[in-house]
Protein backbone atom coordinates (compact mmCIF):
# COMPACT_ATOMS: atom_id res chain seq x y z
CA UNK A 1 0.14 -0.01 0.04
CA UNK A 2 2.77 2.29 0.62
CA UNK A 3 4.49 1.76 -2.82
CA UNK A 4 3.43 4.06 -5.82
CA UNK A 5 1.65 2.50 -8.63
CA UNK A 6 4.19 3.79 -11.23
CA UNK A 7 7.85 4.65 -10.79
CA UNK A 8 8.84 8.18 -11.31
CA UNK A 9 10.62 7.29 -14.48
CA UNK A 10 7.68 5.60 -15.95
CA UNK A 11 5.49 8.40 -15.09
CA UNK A 12 7.79 10.80 -16.76
CA UNK A 13 8.00 8.68 -19.89
CA UNK A 14 4.15 8.32 -20.24
CA UNK A 15 3.60 12.02 -19.37
CA UNK A 16 6.12 13.07 -22.05
CA UNK A 17 4.55 10.68 -24.58
CA UNK A 18 0.99 11.96 -23.75
CA UNK A 19 2.20 15.66 -24.15
CA UNK A 20 3.62 14.78 -27.44
CA UNK A 21 0.48 13.01 -28.54
CA UNK A 22 -1.65 15.99 -27.52
CA UNK A 23 0.49 18.39 -29.32
CA UNK A 24 0.42 16.26 -32.63
CA UNK A 25 -3.40 15.81 -32.40
CA UNK A 26 -3.87 19.47 -31.74
CA UNK A 27 -1.77 20.55 -34.72
CA UNK A 28 -3.50 18.03 -36.90
CA UNK A 29 -6.79 19.32 -35.81
CA UNK A 30 -5.67 22.97 -36.40
CA UNK A 31 -4.57 21.92 -39.98
CA UNK A 32 -8.09 21.36 -40.85
CA UNK A 33 -8.25 17.53 -40.74
CA UNK A 34 -11.13 15.81 -39.03
CA UNK A 35 -11.29 14.42 -35.46
CA UNK A 36 -10.57 10.77 -36.63
CA UNK A 37 -7.33 11.98 -38.37
CA UNK A 38 -6.37 14.00 -35.37
CA UNK A 39 -7.00 11.07 -32.87
CA UNK A 40 -4.99 8.56 -35.21
CA UNK A 41 -2.04 11.18 -35.37
CA UNK A 42 -2.17 11.51 -31.53
CA UNK A 43 -2.32 7.76 -30.91
CA UNK A 44 0.59 7.13 -33.33
CA UNK A 45 2.55 9.79 -31.83
CA UNK A 46 2.19 8.32 -28.28
CA UNK A 47 3.02 4.93 -29.51
CA UNK A 48 6.28 6.07 -31.12
CA UNK A 49 7.14 8.58 -28.27
CA UNK A 50 7.13 5.99 -25.46
CA UNK A 51 10.07 3.93 -26.71
CA UNK A 52 11.77 7.12 -27.78
CA UNK A 53 11.54 8.82 -24.34
CA UNK A 54 12.19 5.40 -22.54
CA UNK A 55 15.42 5.02 -24.60
CA UNK A 56 16.24 8.85 -24.01
CA UNK A 57 15.99 8.68 -20.23
CA UNK A 58 17.61 5.21 -19.91
CA UNK A 59 20.58 6.54 -21.97
CA UNK A 60 21.96 8.69 -18.95
CA UNK A 61 21.54 5.88 -16.39
CA UNK A 62 23.48 3.45 -18.65
CA UNK A 63 26.26 6.10 -19.19
CA UNK A 64 26.52 6.65 -15.53
CA UNK A 65 26.99 2.85 -14.93
CA UNK A 66 29.47 2.40 -17.76
CA UNK A 67 31.81 5.19 -16.62
CA UNK A 68 31.38 4.82 -12.86
CA UNK A 69 31.74 7.47 -10.45
CA UNK A 70 33.73 10.62 -11.25
CA UNK A 71 37.40 10.22 -9.97
CA UNK A 72 37.19 6.33 -9.68
CA UNK A 73 39.61 5.73 -12.59
CA UNK A 74 41.10 9.21 -13.24
CA UNK A 75 44.42 8.26 -11.53
CA UNK A 76 43.58 9.92 -8.21
CA UNK A 77 44.27 8.15 -5.06
CA UNK A 78 46.93 7.21 -2.61
CA UNK A 79 48.88 4.87 -4.86
CA UNK A 80 48.95 7.17 -7.91
CA UNK A 81 51.56 9.83 -7.86
């Protein structure tokens, strides 16, 4: 009961995807297309934005894990120099 339903990262990915979909649907509606075309554009954008933002946010995490902490392999320490 104390745990959140979604993690912060998942919530951020979904929120960004929904915002991108809303923008695409709104712009499609303003362009004069009908409601069905606007809905299809919004849903397609959300579907493509979720993996995009998921990869984009995960890229920073994987870089930190690969490089380790700052100073861990920079030659600093009591045995170097």
